[in-house]
Amino acid sequence: MQVNLWDKIRNGDSAAMKSLYQNSFQELYVYGFKLIADKEKTKDAIHELFCEFWEKHERLPIVYQLMPYIKICLRNKLLKQMKHDAVLLTLPDSFETEATIQQSYETLLIDSLENTEKKRQLEIGISKLTKTQKEVLKLRFYEGHNYEEISQMLDLKVRTVYNHVHAALNILRDYLS
């Protein structure tokens, strides 16, 4: 049934889009909330996803397993949002010298902040992270590895890597807010 809805959406049927949205919202909300534990961001991501589907309905791919496809799209959107939220953890290009590469990523984070109070708060936040959380953040944001690579490097499940990143960012966000 959902595949038929998808075909109708691809052909511009707004009633089919509304039906798919209403029938899948709850399942997508539960799935998204498990990923990021933020009600509003989860709802927003679902709304944005369906708006994007509608905007490009003529270019949507043929899909045979609709819910897994939509969940992957939602997951990617939420991960992109998490990455965007981690702006505090990214370094400006001016830090990419050989001398700074040898410094620890904690030092680079602290040096990139001009406000001494924020530095102090960030130091406290970093000290609250577990060794694994620090390592996962370093691999993800400073060495540019994806979650699957980190999973293999640290012999962890991919979901565990996501959880470590999410927990670490929440801790740092709490100390910086």
N, C-alpha and C. Protein backbone atom coordinates (compact mmCIF):
# COMPACT_ATOMS: atom_id res chain seq x y z
N MET A 1 0.82 -1.20 0.00
CA MET A 1 0.00 0.00 0.00
C MET A 1 0.86 1.26 0.00
N GLN A 2 1.90 1.30 0.86
CA GLN A 2 2.72 2.50 0.92
C GLN A 2 3.48 2.75 -0.37
N VAL A 3 3.87 1.68 -1.05
CA VAL A 3 4.56 1.84 -2.32
C VAL A 3 3.63 2.51 -3.33
N ASN A 4 2.34 2.15 -3.31
CA ASN A 4 1.36 2.81 -4.17
C ASN A 4 1.25 4.29 -3.84
N LEU A 5 1.25 4.62 -2.54
CA LEU A 5 1.23 6.02 -2.13
C LEU A 5 2.44 6.75 -2.68
N TRP A 6 3.59 6.12 -2.58
CA TRP A 6 4.83 6.73 -3.06
C TRP A 6 4.74 7.01 -4.56
N ASP A 7 4.21 6.06 -5.32
CA ASP A 7 4.05 6.28 -6.75
C ASP A 7 3.10 7.44 -7.03
N LYS A 8 2.04 7.54 -6.24
CA LYS A 8 1.10 8.66 -6.40
C LYS A 8 1.77 9.98 -6.07
N ILE A 9 2.59 9.98 -5.02
CA ILE A 9 3.32 11.20 -4.64
C ILE A 9 4.26 11.60 -5.77
N ARG A 10 4.94 10.64 -6.34
CA ARG A 10 5.85 10.91 -7.45
C ARG A 10 5.11 11.53 -8.64
N ASN A 11 3.82 11.24 -8.72
CA ASN A 11 2.98 11.80 -9.79
C ASN A 11 2.25 13.06 -9.38
N GLY A 12 2.54 13.59 -8.17
CA GLY A 12 1.98 14.87 -7.75
C GLY A 12 0.66 14.80 -7.00
N ASP A 13 0.32 13.68 -6.44
CA ASP A 13 -0.94 13.53 -5.70
C ASP A 13 -0.76 14.02 -4.25
N SER A 14 -1.31 15.18 -3.95
CA SER A 14 -1.14 15.77 -2.61
C SER A 14 -1.90 14.99 -1.54
N ALA A 15 -3.01 14.37 -1.90
CA ALA A 15 -3.75 13.55 -0.93
C ALA A 15 -2.92 12.34 -0.50
N ALA A 16 -2.17 11.78 -1.44
CA ALA A 16 -1.29 10.65 -1.11
C ALA A 16 -0.18 11.11 -0.18
N MET A 17 0.35 12.30 -0.42
CA MET A 17 1.40 12.84 0.46
C MET A 17 0.85 13.03 1.87
N LYS A 18 -0.33 13.60 1.97
CA LYS A 18 -0.95 13.81 3.28
C LYS A 18 -1.19 12.48 3.98
N SER A 19 -1.66 11.49 3.26
CA SER A 19 -1.92 10.18 3.83
C SER A 19 -0.63 9.52 4.32
N LEU A 20 0.42 9.58 3.53
CA LEU A 20 1.70 9.00 3.94
C LEU A 20 2.22 9.70 5.18
N TYR A 21 2.13 11.01 5.19
CA TYR A 21 2.59 11.78 6.34
C TYR A 21 1.83 11.37 7.61
N GLN A 22 0.52 11.34 7.52
CA GLN A 22 -0.29 11.01 8.69
C GLN A 22 -0.07 9.57 9.15
N ASN A 23 0.10 8.65 8.22
CA ASN A 23 0.26 7.25 8.58
C ASN A 23 1.66 6.90 9.08
N SER A 24 2.65 7.71 8.74
CA SER A 24 4.01 7.35 9.12
C SER A 24 4.62 8.28 10.17
N PHE A 25 3.95 9.39 10.49
CA PHE A 25 4.54 10.37 11.40
C PHE A 25 4.94 9.74 12.74
N GLN A 26 4.06 9.02 13.37
CA GLN A 26 4.33 8.47 14.70
C GLN A 26 5.54 7.54 14.69
N GLU A 27 5.59 6.65 13.71
CA GLU A 27 6.72 5.72 13.61
C GLU A 27 8.03 6.47 13.37
N LEU A 28 7.99 7.48 12.51
CA LEU A 28 9.18 8.27 12.24
C LEU A 28 9.59 9.10 13.46
N TYR A 29 8.61 9.60 14.18
CA TYR A 29 8.91 10.38 15.38
C TYR A 29 9.63 9.52 16.42
N VAL A 30 9.12 8.32 16.65
CA VAL A 30 9.75 7.41 17.61
C VAL A 30 11.18 7.09 17.17
N TYR A 31 11.34 6.80 15.89
CA TYR A 31 12.66 6.48 15.35
C TYR A 31 13.61 7.67 15.50
N GLY A 32 13.17 8.85 15.10
CA GLY A 32 14.01 10.05 15.17
C GLY A 32 14.36 10.43 16.59
N PHE A 33 13.40 10.30 17.48
CA PHE A 33 13.64 10.66 18.88
C PHE A 33 14.68 9.72 19.50
N LYS A 34 14.68 8.47 19.10
CA LYS A 34 15.70 7.54 19.60
C LYS A 34 17.09 7.97 19.15
N LEU A 35 17.17 8.60 18.00
CA LEU A 35 18.48 9.03 17.48
C LEU A 35 19.01 10.27 18.18
N ILE A 36 18.14 11.26 18.42
CA ILE A 36 18.67 12.53 18.94
C ILE A 36 18.05 12.98 20.26
N ALA A 37 17.01 12.32 20.72
CA ALA A 37 16.38 12.65 22.00
C ALA A 37 16.03 14.14 22.12
N ASP A 38 15.49 14.70 21.04
CA ASP A 38 15.05 16.09 21.06
C ASP A 38 13.72 16.16 20.30
N LYS A 39 12.65 16.39 21.05
CA LYS A 39 11.31 16.35 20.47
C LYS A 39 11.13 17.33 19.32
N GLU A 40 11.49 18.58 19.55
CA GLU A 40 11.25 19.62 18.54
C GLU A 40 12.09 19.41 17.29
N LYS A 41 13.35 19.06 17.48
CA LYS A 41 14.21 18.84 16.31
C LYS A 41 13.73 17.63 15.52
N THR A 42 13.24 16.62 16.21
CA THR A 42 12.72 15.44 15.52
C THR A 42 11.49 15.81 14.69
N LYS A 43 10.56 16.53 15.31
CA LYS A 43 9.35 16.96 14.58
C LYS A 43 9.73 17.83 13.38
N ASP A 44 10.62 18.80 13.61
CA ASP A 44 11.04 19.70 12.53
C ASP A 44 11.67 18.91 11.37
N ALA A 45 12.51 17.95 11.72
CA ALA A 45 13.18 17.17 10.67
C ALA A 45 12.16 16.38 9.84
N ILE A 46 11.16 15.81 10.50
CA ILE A 46 10.13 15.06 9.77
C ILE A 46 9.36 15.99 8.84
N HIS A 47 8.97 17.16 9.36
CA HIS A 47 8.24 18.13 8.53
C HIS A 47 9.08 18.55 7.33
N GLU A 48 10.35 18.89 7.58
CA GLU A 48 11.23 19.31 6.50
C GLU A 48 11.41 18.21 5.47
N LEU A 49 11.55 16.98 5.94
CA LEU A 49 11.73 15.85 5.03
C LEU A 49 10.55 15.71 4.08
N PHE A 50 9.33 15.79 4.62
CA PHE A 50 8.16 15.66 3.76
C PHE A 50 8.01 16.86 2.83
N CYS A 51 8.40 18.03 3.30
CA CYS A 51 8.38 19.20 2.40
C CYS A 51 9.35 18.99 1.24
N GLU A 52 10.54 18.45 1.56
CA GLU A 52 11.51 18.18 0.50
C GLU A 52 10.99 17.12 -0.46
N PHE A 53 10.35 16.09 0.08
CA PHE A 53 9.77 15.07 -0.80
C PHE A 53 8.78 15.73 -1.77
N TRP A 54 7.93 16.61 -1.24
CA TRP A 54 6.92 17.22 -2.09
C TRP A 54 7.55 18.16 -3.11
N GLU A 55 8.54 18.94 -2.68
CA GLU A 55 9.19 19.88 -3.60
C GLU A 55 9.85 19.17 -4.77
N LYS A 56 10.40 18.00 -4.52
CA LYS A 56 11.07 17.29 -5.61
C LYS A 56 10.36 15.98 -5.96
N HIS A 57 9.04 15.98 -5.84
CA HIS A 57 8.28 14.74 -6.09
C HIS A 57 8.51 14.17 -7.48
N GLU A 58 8.75 15.01 -8.46
CA GLU A 58 8.96 14.52 -9.82
C GLU A 58 10.29 13.81 -9.98
N ARG A 59 11.24 14.08 -9.07
CA ARG A 59 12.58 13.49 -9.17
C ARG A 59 12.82 12.41 -8.12
N LEU A 60 11.79 12.05 -7.37
CA LEU A 60 11.95 11.02 -6.35
C LEU A 60 12.25 9.67 -6.99
N PRO A 61 13.08 8.87 -6.32
CA PRO A 61 13.41 7.56 -6.88
C PRO A 61 12.26 6.57 -6.72
N ILE A 62 12.30 5.52 -7.50
CA ILE A 62 11.37 4.41 -7.32
C ILE A 62 11.83 3.67 -6.07
N VAL A 63 10.90 3.42 -5.15
CA VAL A 63 11.24 2.80 -3.88
C VAL A 63 10.33 1.59 -3.66
N TYR A 64 10.94 0.48 -3.26
CA TYR A 64 10.17 -0.74 -3.01
C TYR A 64 9.97 -1.00 -1.52
N GLN A 65 10.86 -0.48 -0.70
CA GLN A 65 10.75 -0.59 0.76
C GLN A 65 10.65 0.83 1.31
N LEU A 66 9.44 1.34 1.39
CA LEU A 66 9.24 2.76 1.66
C LEU A 66 9.69 3.20 3.05
N MET A 67 9.23 2.53 4.10
CA MET A 67 9.59 2.99 5.44
C MET A 67 11.09 2.94 5.69
N PRO A 68 11.78 1.88 5.30
CA PRO A 68 13.24 1.92 5.48
C PRO A 68 13.89 3.08 4.72
N TYR A 69 13.39 3.37 3.52
CA TYR A 69 13.92 4.48 2.75
C TYR A 69 13.69 5.82 3.47
N ILE A 70 12.47 6.03 3.95
CA ILE A 70 12.16 7.29 4.63
C ILE A 70 12.96 7.39 5.93
N LYS A 71 13.13 6.29 6.63
CA LYS A 71 13.92 6.32 7.88
C LYS A 71 15.38 6.67 7.60
N ILE A 72 15.92 6.15 6.52
CA ILE A 72 17.30 6.50 6.16
C ILE A 72 17.39 7.98 5.83
N CYS A 73 16.42 8.50 5.10
CA CYS A 73 16.40 9.93 4.78
C CYS A 73 16.32 10.76 6.06
N LEU A 74 15.46 10.34 6.99
CA LEU A 74 15.32 11.05 8.26
C LEU A 74 16.61 10.98 9.06
N ARG A 75 17.20 9.79 9.12
CA ARG A 75 18.46 9.63 9.85
C ARG A 75 19.53 10.55 9.29
N ASN A 76 19.65 10.60 7.98
CA ASN A 76 20.65 11.47 7.36
C ASN A 76 20.39 12.94 7.68
N LYS A 77 19.12 13.33 7.66
CA LYS A 77 18.76 14.71 7.98
C LYS A 77 19.12 15.03 9.43
N LEU A 78 18.82 14.11 10.35
CA LEU A 78 19.14 14.33 11.76
C LEU A 78 20.64 14.35 12.01
N LEU A 79 21.37 13.50 11.32
CA LEU A 79 22.83 13.51 11.47
C LEU A 79 23.43 14.81 10.96
N LYS A 80 22.88 15.30 9.86
CA LYS A 80 23.34 16.59 9.33
C LYS A 80 23.05 17.69 10.35
N GLN A 81 21.89 17.61 10.99
CA GLN A 81 21.52 18.59 12.01
C GLN A 81 22.48 18.50 13.20
N MET A 82 22.80 17.27 13.63
CA MET A 82 23.74 17.09 14.74
C MET A 82 25.10 17.68 14.38
N LYS A 83 25.53 17.46 13.15
CA LYS A 83 26.81 18.01 12.72
C LYS A 83 26.76 19.53 12.73
N HIS A 84 25.65 20.08 12.29
CA HIS A 84 25.48 21.53 12.30
C HIS A 84 25.50 22.07 13.74
N ASP A 85 24.87 21.33 14.64
CA ASP A 85 24.85 21.74 16.05
C ASP A 85 26.23 21.68 16.68
N ALA A 86 27.12 20.93 16.07
CA ALA A 86 28.46 20.77 16.63
C ALA A 86 29.43 21.83 16.12
N VAL A 87 28.89 22.94 15.64
CA VAL A 87 29.73 24.00 15.08
C VAL A 87 30.80 24.43 16.08
N LEU A 88 30.49 24.41 17.34
CA LEU A 88 31.48 24.80 18.36
C LEU A 88 32.70 23.89 18.34
N LEU A 89 32.52 22.71 17.82
CA LEU A 89 33.63 21.75 17.83
C LEU A 89 34.47 21.80 16.56
N THR A 90 34.08 22.63 15.61
CA THR A 90 34.87 22.72 14.38
C THR A 90 35.89 23.84 14.52
N LEU A 91 36.98 23.68 13.85
CA LEU A 91 38.06 24.65 13.92
C LEU A 91 38.11 25.50 12.66
N PRO A 92 38.50 26.76 12.79
CA PRO A 92 38.68 27.57 11.59
C PRO A 92 39.90 27.08 10.80
N ASP A 93 39.93 27.39 9.50
CA ASP A 93 41.01 26.94 8.64
C ASP A 93 42.38 27.40 9.12
N SER A 94 42.44 28.53 9.80
CA SER A 94 43.72 29.06 10.25
C SER A 94 44.42 28.14 11.24
N PHE A 95 43.72 27.15 11.78
CA PHE A 95 44.31 26.24 12.74
C PHE A 95 44.99 25.05 12.09
N GLU A 96 44.97 24.96 10.78
CA GLU A 96 45.47 23.78 10.11
C GLU A 96 46.97 23.86 9.81
N THR A 97 47.75 24.27 10.77
CA THR A 97 49.20 24.28 10.61
C THR A 97 49.78 23.04 11.26
N GLU A 98 51.01 22.74 10.94
CA GLU A 98 51.63 21.54 11.48
C GLU A 98 51.75 21.61 13.00
N ALA A 99 52.00 22.78 13.53
CA ALA A 99 52.15 22.93 14.98
C ALA A 99 50.85 22.60 15.70
N THR A 100 49.74 23.01 15.13
CA THR A 100 48.47 22.75 15.81
C THR A 100 48.01 21.32 15.65
N ILE A 101 48.44 20.65 14.60
CA ILE A 101 48.06 19.26 14.43
C ILE A 101 48.65 18.42 15.55
N GLN A 102 49.80 18.82 16.07
CA GLN A 102 50.44 18.08 17.14
C GLN A 102 49.79 18.34 18.49
N GLN A 103 49.01 19.41 18.62
CA GLN A 103 48.33 19.68 19.87
C GLN A 103 47.13 18.75 20.01
N SER A 104 46.71 18.57 21.25
CA SER A 104 45.53 17.74 21.47
C SER A 104 44.29 18.50 20.98
N TYR A 105 43.26 17.75 20.63
CA TYR A 105 42.05 18.41 20.15
C TYR A 105 41.38 19.20 21.26
N GLU A 106 41.56 18.79 22.53
CA GLU A 106 41.01 19.58 23.64
C GLU A 106 41.64 20.96 23.66
N THR A 107 42.96 21.03 23.47
CA THR A 107 43.66 22.31 23.46
C THR A 107 43.19 23.17 22.31
N LEU A 108 43.01 22.56 21.15
CA LEU A 108 42.55 23.33 19.99
C LEU A 108 41.15 23.90 20.23
N LEU A 109 40.29 23.11 20.84
CA LEU A 109 38.95 23.59 21.16
C LEU A 109 39.02 24.80 22.08
N ILE A 110 39.80 24.67 23.11
CA ILE A 110 39.89 25.74 24.11
C ILE A 110 40.52 26.99 23.50
N ASP A 111 41.59 26.82 22.71
CA ASP A 111 42.26 27.97 22.10
C ASP A 111 41.37 28.70 21.10
N SER A 112 40.43 27.99 20.50
CA SER A 112 39.59 28.62 19.49
C SER A 112 38.53 29.55 20.11
N LEU A 113 38.34 29.45 21.38
CA LEU A 113 37.36 30.32 22.05
C LEU A 113 38.05 31.55 22.61
N GLU A 114 37.51 32.72 22.37
CA GLU A 114 38.12 33.95 22.85
C GLU A 114 37.66 34.29 24.27
N ASN A 115 36.50 33.97 24.59
CA ASN A 115 35.94 34.32 25.89
C ASN A 115 36.50 33.39 26.97
N THR A 116 37.15 33.96 27.97
CA THR A 116 37.79 33.12 29.00
C THR A 116 36.76 32.33 29.80
N GLU A 117 35.59 32.87 30.00
CA GLU A 117 34.56 32.13 30.73
C GLU A 117 34.13 30.91 29.92
N LYS A 118 33.96 31.10 28.63
CA LYS A 118 33.61 29.97 27.77
C LYS A 118 34.73 28.92 27.79
N LYS A 119 35.98 29.39 27.81
CA LYS A 119 37.11 28.46 27.89
C LYS A 119 37.02 27.62 29.16
N ARG A 120 36.75 28.28 30.25
CA ARG A 120 36.66 27.58 31.52
C ARG A 120 35.51 26.57 31.49
N GLN A 121 34.38 26.99 30.95
CA GLN A 121 33.23 26.09 30.87
C GLN A 121 33.52 24.91 29.95
N LEU A 122 34.21 25.16 28.86
CA LEU A 122 34.55 24.08 27.93
C LEU A 122 35.54 23.11 28.57
N GLU A 123 36.52 23.63 29.30
CA GLU A 123 37.47 22.77 30.00
C GLU A 123 36.75 21.85 30.97
N ILE A 124 35.80 22.41 31.70
CA ILE A 124 35.02 21.59 32.64
C ILE A 124 34.22 20.54 31.87
N GLY A 125 33.59 20.95 30.79
CA GLY A 125 32.81 20.01 29.98
C GLY A 125 33.67 18.89 29.43
N ILE A 126 34.83 19.22 28.90
CA ILE A 126 35.73 18.20 28.36
C ILE A 126 36.20 17.25 29.45
N SER A 127 36.44 17.79 30.63
CA SER A 127 36.89 16.93 31.72
C SER A 127 35.81 15.94 32.15
N LYS A 128 34.55 16.25 31.84
CA LYS A 128 33.44 15.36 32.20
C LYS A 128 33.22 14.25 31.17
N LEU A 129 33.86 14.38 30.00
CA LEU A 129 33.70 13.36 28.97
C LEU A 129 34.51 12.11 29.33
N THR A 130 34.00 10.99 28.91
CA THR A 130 34.75 9.74 29.11
C THR A 130 35.88 9.69 28.08
N LYS A 131 36.82 8.80 28.31
CA LYS A 131 37.94 8.63 27.38
C LYS A 131 37.41 8.26 25.99
N THR A 132 36.42 7.40 25.95
CA THR A 132 35.85 6.97 24.66
C THR A 132 35.15 8.13 23.95
N GLN A 133 34.42 8.95 24.72
CA GLN A 133 33.75 10.11 24.12
C GLN A 133 34.77 11.06 23.51
N LYS A 134 35.86 11.30 24.24
CA LYS A 134 36.91 12.19 23.72
C LYS A 134 37.50 11.61 22.43
N GLU A 135 37.78 10.32 22.44
CA GLU A 135 38.37 9.67 21.28
C GLU A 135 37.42 9.71 20.08
N VAL A 136 36.14 9.45 20.31
CA VAL A 136 35.16 9.46 19.23
C VAL A 136 35.04 10.86 18.64
N LEU A 137 35.00 11.90 19.47
CA LEU A 137 34.92 13.27 18.96
C LEU A 137 36.16 13.61 18.14
N LYS A 138 37.31 13.21 18.64
CA LYS A 138 38.56 13.47 17.93
C LYS A 138 38.54 12.83 16.55
N LEU A 139 38.15 11.55 16.50
CA LEU A 139 38.12 10.83 15.23
C LEU A 139 37.08 11.41 14.28
N ARG A 140 35.93 11.80 14.81
CA ARG A 140 34.84 12.29 13.97
C ARG A 140 35.09 13.70 13.46
N PHE A 141 35.42 14.62 14.36
CA PHE A 141 35.46 16.03 13.98
C PHE A 141 36.85 16.55 13.62
N TYR A 142 37.89 15.89 14.05
CA TYR A 142 39.23 16.39 13.75
C TYR A 142 39.97 15.54 12.75
N GLU A 143 39.64 14.28 12.68
CA GLU A 143 40.28 13.43 11.69
C GLU A 143 39.33 13.11 10.54
N GLY A 144 38.06 13.50 10.68
CA GLY A 144 37.10 13.41 9.58
C GLY A 144 36.60 12.01 9.25
N HIS A 145 36.71 11.08 10.18
CA HIS A 145 36.23 9.73 9.92
C HIS A 145 34.71 9.68 10.05
N ASN A 146 34.08 8.81 9.27
CA ASN A 146 32.64 8.65 9.40
C ASN A 146 32.35 7.65 10.53
N TYR A 147 31.09 7.50 10.85
CA TYR A 147 30.70 6.68 12.00
C TYR A 147 31.08 5.20 11.81
N GLU A 148 30.96 4.73 10.58
CA GLU A 148 31.31 3.33 10.32
C GLU A 148 32.79 3.08 10.51
N GLU A 149 33.62 4.01 10.04
CA GLU A 149 35.07 3.88 10.21
C GLU A 149 35.45 3.90 11.69
N ILE A 150 34.84 4.82 12.43
CA ILE A 150 35.13 4.90 13.86
C ILE A 150 34.71 3.61 14.55
N SER A 151 33.57 3.09 14.14
CA SER A 151 33.08 1.84 14.69
C SER A 151 34.11 0.73 14.52
N GLN A 152 34.68 0.63 13.34
CA GLN A 152 35.68 -0.40 13.08
C GLN A 152 36.98 -0.12 13.83
N MET A 153 37.39 1.13 13.89
CA MET A 153 38.64 1.49 14.55
C MET A 153 38.60 1.20 16.04
N LEU A 154 37.45 1.48 16.66
CA LEU A 154 37.34 1.32 18.10
C LEU A 154 36.65 0.01 18.51
N ASP A 155 36.31 -0.80 17.52
CA ASP A 155 35.63 -2.07 17.76
C ASP A 155 34.34 -1.87 18.56
N LEU A 156 33.53 -0.91 18.07
CA LEU A 156 32.23 -0.60 18.67
C LEU A 156 31.16 -0.75 17.60
N LYS A 157 29.93 -0.90 18.04
CA LYS A 157 28.82 -0.89 17.09
C LYS A 157 28.61 0.54 16.62
N VAL A 158 28.13 0.70 15.40
CA VAL A 158 27.91 2.03 14.84
C VAL A 158 26.95 2.81 15.73
N ARG A 159 25.91 2.16 16.21
CA ARG A 159 24.94 2.84 17.07
C ARG A 159 25.61 3.34 18.35
N THR A 160 26.57 2.59 18.87
CA THR A 160 27.29 3.01 20.07
C THR A 160 28.11 4.26 19.78
N VAL A 161 28.70 4.33 18.60
CA VAL A 161 29.47 5.52 18.22
C VAL A 161 28.55 6.73 18.16
N TYR A 162 27.37 6.58 17.53
CA TYR A 162 26.40 7.67 17.49
C TYR A 162 26.04 8.11 18.91
N ASN A 163 25.81 7.16 19.77
CA ASN A 163 25.43 7.47 21.15
C ASN A 163 26.53 8.24 21.87
N HIS A 164 27.79 7.83 21.67
CA HIS A 164 28.92 8.53 22.30
C HIS A 164 29.01 9.98 21.81
N VAL A 165 28.88 10.17 20.50
CA VAL A 165 28.94 11.53 19.94
C VAL A 165 27.80 12.36 20.49
N HIS A 166 26.61 11.81 20.47
CA HIS A 166 25.44 12.54 20.95
C HIS A 166 25.59 12.92 22.42
N ALA A 167 26.00 11.97 23.24
CA ALA A 167 26.16 12.23 24.68
C ALA A 167 27.24 13.28 24.92
N ALA A 168 28.35 13.17 24.21
CA ALA A 168 29.45 14.13 24.39
C ALA A 168 29.02 15.54 23.99
N LEU A 169 28.32 15.65 22.86
CA LEU A 169 27.86 16.97 22.42
C LEU A 169 26.85 17.56 23.40
N ASN A 170 26.00 16.72 23.96
CA ASN A 170 25.06 17.21 24.96
C ASN A 170 25.77 17.72 26.20
N ILE A 171 26.78 17.00 26.64
CA ILE A 171 27.55 17.44 27.81
C ILE A 171 28.22 18.78 27.53
N LEU A 172 28.88 18.88 26.39
CA LEU A 172 29.56 20.15 26.04
C LEU A 172 28.56 21.28 25.86
N ARG A 173 27.42 20.99 25.25
CA ARG A 173 26.39 22.01 25.06
C ARG A 173 25.89 22.51 26.41
N ASP A 174 25.70 21.59 27.37
CA ASP A 174 25.24 21.99 28.69
C ASP A 174 26.24 22.92 29.37
N TYR A 175 27.50 22.66 29.21
CA TYR A 175 28.51 23.49 29.87
C TYR A 175 28.73 24.82 29.15
N LEU A 176 28.37 24.89 27.90
CA LEU A 176 28.55 26.12 27.15
C LEU A 176 27.30 26.99 27.10
N SER A 177 26.19 26.48 27.58
CA SER A 177 24.96 27.28 27.52
C SER A 177 24.75 28.09 28.78
